[in-house]
């Protein structure tokens, strides 16, 4: 019986060889015991080549710049949120301005900052105490994104902006005062709610503090398209396109959503293009 957790041994020979001892990571936590535990777990993972631990944001920035100057940039930063001085969220904002920003995984004892962490495009969000199995999932996401970004870049080309593989991104949402996590691939459509957006899946919905315009830009490559000033939909979840009394709409899992005139032509073109692609 297998655990279902991602691991290098489950990969094919070529992929497994590339996965072993690939990642260079940095752990940042102002609490020494928590930092030591995290570094120990990371060093125990066969996909991690190098781990360094520091206790504050200033040391983290120095370490990252030193690694870049040496031609060995850090692939991912495991980052505590609540730290004195420059906290984890502030540091993540600084890192997002790097030409090639490292992937961010927040590690914290608190669920409250999860929505803001999502807005900073964190790859994952781990709650303390960190379990080895849960950490392995984060490493799995990171290493695959690193490998996929390398295989899709033409030889000699400048590194392209990196984005998570479709469906791999995990998003923290607010559900009745509780933060839960859903996969991007499970989102059927998004509905504007003032300063928030409501993400709808087959099993329910949840709020994130994000503007629809920002989500449209961020998730375009994952197959999301704007159909109305209030709605963003996943093309892959559209069940049917309806035209009634001159008004266009889409049916997604029983929800009928209007398509505005300004978006109708573009939506049709995308659906035709999608249907022509070989399966």
Protein backbone atom coordinates (compact mmCIF):
# COMPACT_ATOMS: atom_id res chain seq x y z
CA UNK A 1 0.00 0.00 0.00
CA UNK A 2 1.44 3.40 -0.99
CA UNK A 3 1.00 6.68 0.82
CA UNK A 4 0.18 8.69 -2.32
CA UNK A 5 2.82 11.30 -1.43
CA UNK A 6 5.08 12.59 -4.21
CA UNK A 7 8.59 11.17 -4.10
CA UNK A 8 11.53 10.73 -6.49
CA UNK A 9 11.16 6.93 -6.49
CA UNK A 10 7.76 7.25 -8.15
CA UNK A 11 9.27 8.97 -11.22
CA UNK A 12 10.66 7.40 -14.40
CA UNK A 13 14.46 6.82 -14.50
CA UNK A 14 15.34 9.99 -16.45
CA UNK A 15 13.03 12.21 -14.45
CA UNK A 16 14.13 10.62 -11.18
CA UNK A 17 17.79 11.30 -11.99
CA UNK A 18 17.01 14.94 -12.60
CA UNK A 19 15.02 15.20 -9.38
CA UNK A 20 17.74 13.91 -7.07
CA UNK A 21 19.87 16.60 -5.38
CA UNK A 22 18.53 19.41 -7.55
CA UNK A 23 17.26 22.16 -5.26
CA UNK A 24 19.14 24.92 -3.51
CA UNK A 25 16.97 26.32 -0.72
CA UNK A 26 17.08 28.91 2.04
CA UNK A 27 15.16 28.67 5.32
CA UNK A 28 14.36 31.85 7.27
CA UNK A 29 12.99 31.80 10.84
CA UNK A 30 13.85 33.93 13.88
CA UNK A 31 13.15 31.02 16.26
CA UNK A 32 16.24 28.81 16.41
CA UNK A 33 14.49 25.50 17.31
CA UNK A 34 11.97 25.88 14.47
CA UNK A 35 14.75 26.81 12.04
CA UNK A 36 16.87 23.81 13.05
CA UNK A 37 13.92 21.44 12.60
CA UNK A 38 13.09 22.84 9.17
CA UNK A 39 16.70 22.70 7.98
CA UNK A 40 16.96 19.10 9.21
CA UNK A 41 13.83 18.05 7.31
CA UNK A 42 14.97 19.78 4.13
CA UNK A 43 18.41 18.19 4.28
CA UNK A 44 16.74 14.79 4.67
CA UNK A 45 14.95 15.18 1.33
CA UNK A 46 16.89 13.50 -1.53
CA UNK A 47 15.80 16.22 -3.97
CA UNK A 48 17.51 19.01 -2.02
CA UNK A 49 21.16 19.65 -2.85
CA UNK A 50 21.92 22.53 -0.49
CA UNK A 51 20.18 24.11 2.51
CA UNK A 52 21.15 27.21 4.42
CA UNK A 53 19.32 28.63 7.43
CA UNK A 54 19.26 32.25 8.62
CA UNK A 55 17.40 34.03 11.41
CA UNK A 56 16.25 37.29 9.83
CA UNK A 57 15.36 39.00 6.56
CA UNK A 58 18.58 41.02 6.32
CA UNK A 59 20.72 37.88 6.50
CA UNK A 60 18.40 36.23 3.99
CA UNK A 61 18.93 39.03 1.44
CA UNK A 62 22.70 38.87 1.91
CA UNK A 63 22.64 35.10 1.40
CA UNK A 64 20.49 35.37 -1.74
CA UNK A 65 22.69 38.04 -3.31
CA UNK A 66 25.84 36.09 -2.46
CA UNK A 67 24.38 32.99 -4.11
CA UNK A 68 23.46 34.94 -7.26
CA UNK A 69 26.94 36.47 -7.45
CA UNK A 70 28.41 32.96 -7.26
CA UNK A 71 26.21 31.80 -10.13
CA UNK A 72 24.26 29.44 -7.86
CA UNK A 73 20.92 31.20 -7.24
CA UNK A 74 18.57 29.88 -4.58
CA UNK A 75 15.56 28.03 -6.05
CA UNK A 76 13.21 28.46 -3.10
CA UNK A 77 12.89 30.27 0.22
CA UNK A 78 11.01 28.67 3.13
CA UNK A 79 9.95 31.76 5.00
CA UNK A 80 8.49 32.41 8.44
CA UNK A 81 5.97 35.27 8.44
CA UNK A 82 6.11 36.80 11.90
CA UNK A 83 9.67 38.03 12.48
CA UNK A 84 11.02 41.20 14.09
CA UNK A 85 12.04 44.01 11.75
CA UNK A 86 11.34 43.10 8.15
CA UNK A 87 8.76 40.31 8.40
CA UNK A 88 8.20 37.44 6.00
CA UNK A 89 5.52 39.18 3.95
CA UNK A 90 7.72 42.26 3.53
CA UNK A 91 10.66 40.10 2.50
CA UNK A 92 8.49 38.27 -0.04
CA UNK A 93 7.56 41.62 -1.60
CA UNK A 94 11.24 42.49 -1.94
CA UNK A 95 12.02 39.10 -3.50
CA UNK A 96 9.19 39.50 -6.02
CA UNK A 97 11.16 42.38 -7.57
CA UNK A 98 14.17 40.17 -8.33
CA UNK A 99 14.79 39.53 -12.04
CA UNK A 100 14.55 35.80 -11.25
CA UNK A 101 12.71 35.60 -7.92
CA UNK A 102 13.00 32.39 -5.90
CA UNK A 103 9.85 30.41 -5.17
CA UNK A 104 8.30 31.29 -1.84
CA UNK A 105 6.90 28.81 0.66
CA UNK A 106 5.55 30.41 3.83
CA UNK A 107 6.05 28.45 7.06
CA UNK A 108 4.06 29.82 9.98
CA UNK A 109 2.06 28.93 13.07
CA UNK A 110 -0.72 31.31 12.01
CA UNK A 111 -3.46 30.94 9.39
CA UNK A 112 -4.50 34.60 9.35
CA UNK A 113 -1.91 35.83 6.78
CA UNK A 114 -2.82 33.09 4.27
CA UNK A 115 -4.83 35.38 1.99
CA UNK A 116 -2.06 37.97 1.82
CA UNK A 117 0.44 35.18 1.16
CA UNK A 118 -1.67 34.15 -1.84
CA UNK A 119 -1.56 37.70 -3.19
CA UNK A 120 2.24 37.52 -3.06
CA UNK A 121 2.10 34.42 -5.30
CA UNK A 122 3.50 32.03 -2.71
CA UNK A 123 3.89 28.51 -4.07
CA UNK A 124 2.73 26.93 -0.81
CA UNK A 125 1.75 27.71 2.79
CA UNK A 126 2.83 25.35 5.57
CA UNK A 127 1.55 25.42 9.12
CA UNK A 128 3.82 24.69 12.08
CA UNK A 129 4.71 22.20 13.33
CA UNK A 130 5.79 21.15 9.85
CA UNK A 131 5.15 17.50 9.02
CA UNK A 132 7.69 15.70 6.84
CA UNK A 133 4.94 14.45 4.50
CA UNK A 134 3.54 17.94 3.99
CA UNK A 135 7.01 19.39 3.42
CA UNK A 136 7.62 16.70 0.80
CA UNK A 137 4.61 17.98 -1.14
CA UNK A 138 6.07 21.49 -1.19
CA UNK A 139 9.45 20.23 -2.36
CA UNK A 140 7.67 18.24 -5.07
CA UNK A 141 5.96 21.38 -6.40
CA UNK A 142 9.16 23.39 -6.32
CA UNK A 143 11.41 20.88 -8.02
CA UNK A 144 8.93 20.20 -10.80
CA UNK A 145 8.48 23.89 -11.48
CA UNK A 146 12.26 24.33 -11.63
CA UNK A 147 12.69 21.39 -14.00
CA UNK A 148 9.76 22.38 -16.20
CA UNK A 149 11.02 25.96 -16.50
CA UNK A 150 14.42 24.67 -17.60
CA UNK A 151 13.03 22.27 -20.20
CA UNK A 152 10.75 24.90 -21.77
CA UNK A 153 13.45 27.56 -22.17
CA UNK A 154 15.24 27.48 -25.58
CA UNK A 155 18.99 27.09 -25.43
CA UNK A 156 20.66 30.46 -24.95
CA UNK A 157 17.38 32.24 -24.31
CA UNK A 158 16.85 34.55 -21.39
CA UNK A 159 14.96 32.87 -18.54
CA UNK A 160 11.22 33.33 -18.96
CA UNK A 161 8.95 34.39 -16.16
CA UNK A 162 8.15 31.32 -14.13
CA UNK A 163 4.64 30.23 -13.27
CA UNK A 164 3.31 27.10 -11.55
CA UNK A 165 2.25 24.18 -13.70
CA UNK A 166 -1.46 24.39 -14.44
CA UNK A 167 -3.40 22.86 -11.59
CA UNK A 168 -0.42 22.76 -9.22
CA UNK A 169 -1.02 26.15 -7.63
CA UNK A 170 -2.67 25.94 -4.23
CA UNK A 171 -4.78 28.91 -3.16
CA UNK A 172 -5.82 29.79 0.42
CA UNK A 173 -9.47 30.90 0.58
CA UNK A 174 -11.73 32.10 3.38
CA UNK A 175 -14.66 29.79 4.12
CA UNK A 176 -16.78 30.83 7.09
CA UNK A 177 -13.83 32.33 8.93
CA UNK A 178 -11.60 29.32 8.25
CA UNK A 179 -8.73 29.30 5.74
CA UNK A 180 -8.81 26.32 3.42
CA UNK A 181 -6.71 25.44 0.39
CA UNK A 182 -7.97 24.66 -3.12
CA UNK A 183 -6.20 23.79 -6.36
CA UNK A 184 -6.33 26.17 -9.30
CA UNK A 185 -7.43 23.31 -11.56
CA UNK A 186 -10.55 22.84 -9.41
CA UNK A 187 -11.79 26.42 -9.83
CA UNK A 188 -14.70 26.63 -12.27
CA UNK A 189 -15.30 30.36 -12.26
CA UNK A 190 -14.54 33.51 -10.29
CA UNK A 191 -17.03 36.15 -9.24
CA UNK A 192 -16.16 39.75 -8.29
CA UNK A 193 -17.12 40.79 -4.74
CA UNK A 194 -15.88 44.33 -4.22
CA UNK A 195 -12.26 44.14 -3.04
CA UNK A 196 -12.57 40.34 -2.96
CA UNK A 197 -13.14 37.57 -5.49
CA UNK A 198 -15.23 34.46 -4.84
CA UNK A 199 -13.72 31.27 -6.25
CA UNK A 200 -16.30 28.63 -7.19
CA UNK A 201 -15.50 24.90 -7.32
CA UNK A 202 -17.67 21.79 -7.60
CA UNK A 203 -17.88 21.55 -3.81
CA UNK A 204 -18.41 25.17 -2.78
CA UNK A 205 -16.85 28.62 -2.88
CA UNK A 206 -14.48 30.82 -0.92
CA UNK A 207 -13.18 34.39 -0.86
CA UNK A 208 -9.73 35.75 -1.64
CA UNK A 209 -8.69 39.36 -1.31
CA UNK A 210 -7.82 39.99 -4.96
CA UNK A 211 -9.13 42.04 -7.87
CA UNK A 212 -10.62 40.24 -10.85
CA UNK A 213 -8.28 42.12 -13.20
CA UNK A 214 -5.26 40.77 -11.37
CA UNK A 215 -6.54 37.19 -11.40
CA UNK A 216 -7.37 37.49 -15.10
CA UNK A 217 -3.77 38.43 -15.88
CA UNK A 218 -2.25 35.88 -13.53
CA UNK A 219 -4.37 32.91 -14.61
CA UNK A 220 -4.66 33.59 -18.34
CA UNK A 221 -2.05 30.91 -19.16
CA UNK A 222 -4.07 28.42 -17.07
CA UNK A 223 -7.10 28.81 -19.36
CA UNK A 224 -9.10 31.48 -17.54
CA UNK A 225 -10.91 34.13 -19.58
CA UNK A 226 -12.99 37.20 -18.72
CA UNK A 227 -16.60 36.95 -19.92
CA UNK A 228 -18.13 39.83 -17.97
CA UNK A 229 -17.02 42.64 -15.68
CA UNK A 230 -18.12 40.40 -12.79
CA UNK A 231 -16.98 36.97 -13.98
CA UNK A 232 -13.83 35.09 -14.93
CA UNK A 233 -14.26 31.49 -16.11
CA UNK A 234 -12.14 28.42 -16.74
CA UNK A 235 -12.50 27.39 -20.39
CA UNK A 236 -12.07 23.74 -19.48
CA UNK A 237 -15.10 23.83 -17.18
CA UNK A 238 -17.56 25.36 -19.66
CA UNK A 239 -20.31 22.79 -20.36
CA UNK A 240 -22.20 24.73 -23.02
CA UNK A 241 -22.54 28.07 -24.76
CA UNK A 242 -26.10 29.43 -24.98
CA UNK A 243 -27.66 32.09 -27.20
CA UNK A 244 -31.17 33.11 -26.14
CA UNK A 245 -32.99 36.23 -27.32
CA UNK A 246 -29.73 37.66 -28.57
CA UNK A 247 -27.99 37.22 -25.20
CA UNK A 248 -24.99 34.92 -24.84
CA UNK A 249 -24.29 32.92 -21.68
CA UNK A 250 -22.26 29.92 -20.51
CA UNK A 251 -23.32 26.96 -18.41
CA UNK A 252 -20.70 25.80 -15.90
CA UNK A 253 -21.80 22.99 -13.63
CA UNK A 254 -25.39 24.21 -13.70
CA UNK A 255 -24.50 27.86 -13.08
CA UNK A 256 -25.58 30.07 -15.99
CA UNK A 257 -23.34 33.13 -16.35
CA UNK A 258 -23.91 36.06 -18.74
CA UNK A 259 -21.37 36.93 -21.41
CA UNK A 260 -21.11 40.64 -22.18
CA UNK A 261 -21.06 41.83 -25.78
CA UNK A 262 -17.49 43.11 -25.51
CA UNK A 263 -16.22 39.66 -24.46
CA UNK A 264 -18.46 37.45 -26.64
CA UNK A 265 -16.31 37.38 -29.78
CA UNK A 266 -13.09 36.65 -27.92
CA UNK A 267 -14.75 33.83 -25.93
CA UNK A 268 -16.07 32.20 -29.10
CA UNK A 269 -12.65 32.38 -30.73
CA UNK A 270 -11.01 30.76 -27.72
CA UNK A 271 -13.58 27.95 -27.60
CA UNK A 272 -13.24 27.25 -31.33
CA UNK A 273 -9.45 27.22 -31.02
CA UNK A 274 -9.63 24.92 -28.03
CA UNK A 275 -11.97 22.46 -29.80
CA UNK A 276 -9.65 22.29 -32.80
CA UNK A 277 -6.67 21.27 -30.71
CA UNK A 278 -5.84 17.54 -30.93
CA UNK A 279 -6.78 15.62 -27.79
